[in-house]
Amino acid sequence: MIEFSSLHADQNAFLVGRTNHPDHIDPRVLRGGRFSEKIEIGLPGLASRERLLRKYLDGVALGPDAGIRALADRLRDQSPADLEAISNTARRFAFNRAPDGSGVPPLIGADFEKAVQRVRGIVLQH
């Protein structure tokens, strides 16, 4: 383990970190001279959310009220990790609706509503 205070100019140190909650980082860690760069990657736009949802829902049938475009629009404040978790959770809710447990029926809007509430604790905007 290396300490920040023991680094010298002739030493190379490369530190990579990531968070979905930069507001929870202790400001003392980010004060001047500690890091040369801070790169912030924002939330995905509509087209990126559509691509991510297509990837996460590949091979899963969607009901008429759960189109990719509409979902991407309704999930606009979600990170890629959140979109994946919501997709997987919606799939589990749909599986629980299967009458005989023989497979995953088409995912419907209600599956995503419950998934968002479970994953993020929020209600989707219509």
C-alpha atoms as a PDB file:
ATOM      1  CA  MET A   1       0.000   0.000   0.000  1.00  0.00           C
ATOM      2  CA  ILE A   2       1.267   3.432  -0.871  1.00  0.00           C
ATOM      3  CA  GLU A   3       0.402   6.629   0.975  1.00  0.00           C
ATOM      4  CA  PHE A   4      -0.151   9.925  -0.790  1.00  0.00           C
ATOM      5  CA  SER A   5       2.085  11.697   1.678  1.00  0.00           C
ATOM      6  CA  SER A   6       5.046   9.432   0.904  1.00  0.00           C
ATOM      7  CA  LEU A   7       5.072   9.968  -2.880  1.00  0.00           C
ATOM      8  CA  HIS A   8       7.977  11.850  -4.445  1.00  0.00           C
ATOM      9  CA  ALA A   9       8.181  13.680  -7.755  1.00  0.00           C
ATOM     10  CA  ASP A  10      10.415  10.991  -9.260  1.00  0.00           C
ATOM     11  CA  GLN A  11       7.895   8.236  -8.538  1.00  0.00           C
ATOM     12  CA  ASN A  12       5.115   7.310 -10.924  1.00  0.00           C
ATOM     13  CA  ALA A  13       1.738   6.593  -9.436  1.00  0.00           C
ATOM     14  CA  PHE A  14      -1.420   6.045 -11.438  1.00  0.00           C
ATOM     15  CA  LEU A  15      -4.676   5.920  -9.538  1.00  0.00           C
ATOM     16  CA  VAL A  16      -8.024   5.250 -11.144  1.00  0.00           C
ATOM     17  CA  GLY A  17     -11.261   5.474  -9.242  1.00  0.00           C
ATOM     18  CA  ARG A  18     -14.910   5.683 -10.130  1.00  0.00           C
ATOM     19  CA  THR A  19     -18.158   6.460  -8.417  1.00  0.00           C
ATOM     20  CA  ASN A  20     -21.771   7.181  -9.198  1.00  0.00           C
ATOM     21  CA  HIS A  21     -21.819   9.475  -6.164  1.00  0.00           C
ATOM     22  CA  PRO A  22     -19.044  12.088  -6.440  1.00  0.00           C
ATOM     23  CA  ASP A  23     -20.853  14.122  -3.780  1.00  0.00           C
ATOM     24  CA  HIS A  24     -19.855  11.458  -1.234  1.00  0.00           C
ATOM     25  CA  ILE A  25     -16.104  11.836  -1.830  1.00  0.00           C
ATOM     26  CA  ASP A  26     -14.256  13.512   1.015  1.00  0.00           C
ATOM     27  CA  PRO A  27     -13.150  16.935  -0.343  1.00  0.00           C
ATOM     28  CA  ARG A  28      -9.743  16.471   1.296  1.00  0.00           C
ATOM     29  CA  VAL A  29      -9.035  13.659  -1.158  1.00  0.00           C
ATOM     30  CA  LEU A  30      -9.644  15.954  -4.136  1.00  0.00           C
ATOM     31  CA  ARG A  31      -7.775  19.048  -2.954  1.00  0.00           C
ATOM     32  CA  GLY A  32      -5.137  20.629  -5.167  1.00  0.00           C
ATOM     33  CA  GLY A  33      -1.990  18.698  -5.972  1.00  0.00           C
ATOM     34  CA  ARG A  34      -3.475  15.262  -5.348  1.00  0.00           C
ATOM     35  CA  PHE A  35      -4.712  14.412  -8.825  1.00  0.00           C
ATOM     36  CA  SER A  36      -3.687  15.815 -12.166  1.00  0.00           C
ATOM     37  CA  GLU A  37      -6.999  15.051 -13.858  1.00  0.00           C
ATOM     38  CA  LYS A  38     -10.583  14.381 -12.960  1.00  0.00           C
ATOM     39  CA  ILE A  39     -12.715  13.001 -15.771  1.00  0.00           C
ATOM     40  CA  GLU A  40     -16.475  13.114 -15.417  1.00  0.00           C
ATOM     41  CA  ILE A  41     -18.648  10.985 -17.669  1.00  0.00           C
ATOM     42  CA  GLY A  42     -22.281  12.016 -17.636  1.00  0.00           C
ATOM     43  CA  LEU A  43     -25.410   9.943 -17.952  1.00  0.00           C
ATOM     44  CA  PRO A  44     -26.119   8.393 -21.359  1.00  0.00           C
ATOM     45  CA  GLY A  45     -28.300  10.239 -23.852  1.00  0.00           C
ATOM     46  CA  LEU A  46     -31.421   8.799 -25.442  1.00  0.00           C
ATOM     47  CA  ALA A  47     -29.635   6.946 -28.266  1.00  0.00           C
ATOM     48  CA  SER A  48     -27.119   5.430 -25.836  1.00  0.00           C
ATOM     49  CA  ARG A  49     -29.880   4.357 -23.447  1.00  0.00           C
ATOM     50  CA  GLU A  50     -31.660   2.664 -26.367  1.00  0.00           C
ATOM     51  CA  ARG A  51     -28.470   0.770 -27.325  1.00  0.00           C
ATOM     52  CA  LEU A  52     -27.861  -0.258 -23.720  1.00  0.00           C
ATOM     53  CA  LEU A  53     -31.440  -1.460 -23.241  1.00  0.00           C
ATOM     54  CA  ARG A  54     -31.261  -3.451 -26.498  1.00  0.00           C
ATOM     55  CA  LYS A  55     -28.097  -5.081 -25.190  1.00  0.00           C
ATOM     56  CA  TYR A  56     -29.479  -5.813 -21.710  1.00  0.00           C
ATOM     57  CA  LEU A  57     -32.831  -7.050 -23.044  1.00  0.00           C
ATOM     58  CA  ASP A  58     -31.454  -9.070 -25.964  1.00  0.00           C
ATOM     59  CA  GLY A  59     -33.546 -12.182 -26.504  1.00  0.00           C
ATOM     60  CA  VAL A  60     -36.341 -11.046 -24.185  1.00  0.00           C
ATOM     61  CA  ALA A  61     -39.799 -10.348 -25.582  1.00  0.00           C
ATOM     62  CA  LEU A  62     -41.368  -7.008 -24.711  1.00  0.00           C
ATOM     63  CA  GLY A  63     -45.051  -6.328 -24.306  1.00  0.00           C
ATOM     64  CA  PRO A  64     -46.802  -3.563 -26.260  1.00  0.00           C
ATOM     65  CA  ASP A  65     -46.385  -1.053 -23.419  1.00  0.00           C
ATOM     66  CA  ALA A  66     -42.645  -1.718 -23.001  1.00  0.00           C
ATOM     67  CA  GLY A  67     -41.003  -0.597 -26.240  1.00  0.00           C
ATOM     68  CA  ILE A  68     -37.273   0.172 -26.166  1.00  0.00           C
ATOM     69  CA  ARG A  69     -37.745   3.792 -27.269  1.00  0.00           C
ATOM     70  CA  ALA A  70     -40.394   4.507 -24.626  1.00  0.00           C
ATOM     71  CA  LEU A  71     -38.324   2.794 -21.932  1.00  0.00           C
ATOM     72  CA  ALA A  72     -35.210   4.740 -22.915  1.00  0.00           C
ATOM     73  CA  ASP A  73     -37.174   7.971 -22.651  1.00  0.00           C
ATOM     74  CA  ARG A  74     -38.700   7.078 -19.282  1.00  0.00           C
ATOM     75  CA  LEU A  75     -35.338   5.942 -17.846  1.00  0.00           C
ATOM     76  CA  ARG A  76     -33.501   9.154 -18.753  1.00  0.00           C
ATOM     77  CA  ASP A  77     -31.832   9.760 -15.370  1.00  0.00           C
ATOM     78  CA  GLN A  78     -30.301   6.289 -15.048  1.00  0.00           C
ATOM     79  CA  SER A  79     -26.672   5.235 -15.363  1.00  0.00           C
ATOM     80  CA  PRO A  80     -25.666   2.249 -17.519  1.00  0.00           C
ATOM     81  CA  ALA A  81     -25.303   0.132 -14.368  1.00  0.00           C
ATOM     82  CA  ASP A  82     -28.801   1.181 -13.263  1.00  0.00           C
ATOM     83  CA  LEU A  83     -30.238   0.307 -16.687  1.00  0.00           C
ATOM     84  CA  GLU A  84     -28.697  -3.158 -16.460  1.00  0.00           C
ATOM     85  CA  ALA A  85     -29.977  -3.715 -12.922  1.00  0.00           C
ATOM     86  CA  ILE A  86     -33.462  -2.486 -13.886  1.00  0.00           C
ATOM     87  CA  SER A  87     -33.516  -4.772 -16.941  1.00  0.00           C
ATOM     88  CA  ASN A  88     -32.485  -7.817 -14.911  1.00  0.00           C
ATOM     89  CA  THR A  89     -34.953  -7.018 -12.150  1.00  0.00           C
ATOM     90  CA  ALA A  90     -37.808  -6.512 -14.657  1.00  0.00           C
ATOM     91  CA  ARG A  91     -36.944  -9.916 -16.127  1.00  0.00           C
ATOM     92  CA  ARG A  92     -37.280 -11.508 -12.666  1.00  0.00           C
ATOM     93  CA  PHE A  93     -40.642  -9.811 -12.096  1.00  0.00           C
ATOM     94  CA  ALA A  94     -41.845 -11.125 -15.474  1.00  0.00           C
ATOM     95  CA  PHE A  95     -40.606 -14.623 -14.619  1.00  0.00           C
ATOM     96  CA  ASN A  96     -42.679 -14.493 -11.424  1.00  0.00           C
ATOM     97  CA  ARG A  97     -45.752 -13.783 -13.563  1.00  0.00           C
ATOM     98  CA  ALA A  98     -45.250 -16.971 -15.598  1.00  0.00           C
ATOM     99  CA  PRO A  99     -48.142 -19.317 -14.784  1.00  0.00           C
ATOM    100  CA  ASP A 100     -46.050 -22.472 -14.652  1.00  0.00           C
ATOM    101  CA  GLY A 101     -42.534 -21.063 -14.310  1.00  0.00           C
ATOM    102  CA  SER A 102     -41.683 -22.397 -17.760  1.00  0.00           C
ATOM    103  CA  GLY A 103     -39.979 -19.268 -19.019  1.00  0.00           C
ATOM    104  CA  VAL A 104     -40.001 -15.529 -19.105  1.00  0.00           C
ATOM    105  CA  PRO A 105     -43.190 -14.034 -20.558  1.00  0.00           C
ATOM    106  CA  PRO A 106     -42.971 -10.716 -22.412  1.00  0.00           C
ATOM    107  CA  LEU A 107     -41.869  -7.908 -20.118  1.00  0.00           C
ATOM    108  CA  ILE A 108     -44.558  -5.299 -19.568  1.00  0.00           C
ATOM    109  CA  GLY A 109     -44.485  -1.744 -18.282  1.00  0.00           C
ATOM    110  CA  ALA A 110     -45.481  -2.847 -14.784  1.00  0.00           C
ATOM    111  CA  ASP A 111     -42.380  -5.097 -14.610  1.00  0.00           C
ATOM    112  CA  PHE A 112     -40.204  -2.051 -15.277  1.00  0.00           C
ATOM    113  CA  GLU A 113     -42.173   0.132 -12.850  1.00  0.00           C
ATOM    114  CA  LYS A 114     -41.555  -2.369 -10.052  1.00  0.00           C
ATOM    115  CA  ALA A 115     -37.947  -2.874 -11.128  1.00  0.00           C
ATOM    116  CA  VAL A 116     -37.168   0.846 -10.975  1.00  0.00           C
ATOM    117  CA  GLN A 117     -38.774   1.117  -7.565  1.00  0.00           C
ATOM    118  CA  ARG A 118     -36.744  -1.848  -6.358  1.00  0.00           C
ATOM    119  CA  VAL A 119     -33.414  -0.742  -7.873  1.00  0.00           C
ATOM    120  CA  ARG A 120     -33.599   3.022  -7.477  1.00  0.00           C
ATOM    121  CA  GLY A 121     -36.483   3.657  -5.104  1.00  0.00           C
ATOM    122  CA  ILE A 122     -38.139   6.071  -7.532  1.00  0.00           C
ATOM    123  CA  VAL A 123     -41.289   6.164  -9.649  1.00  0.00           C
ATOM    124  CA  LEU A 124     -40.984   6.387 -13.449  1.00  0.00           C
ATOM    125  CA  GLN A 125     -42.208   9.545 -15.136  1.00  0.00           C
ATOM    126  CA  HIS A 126     -44.872   9.059 -17.794  1.00  0.00           C
END
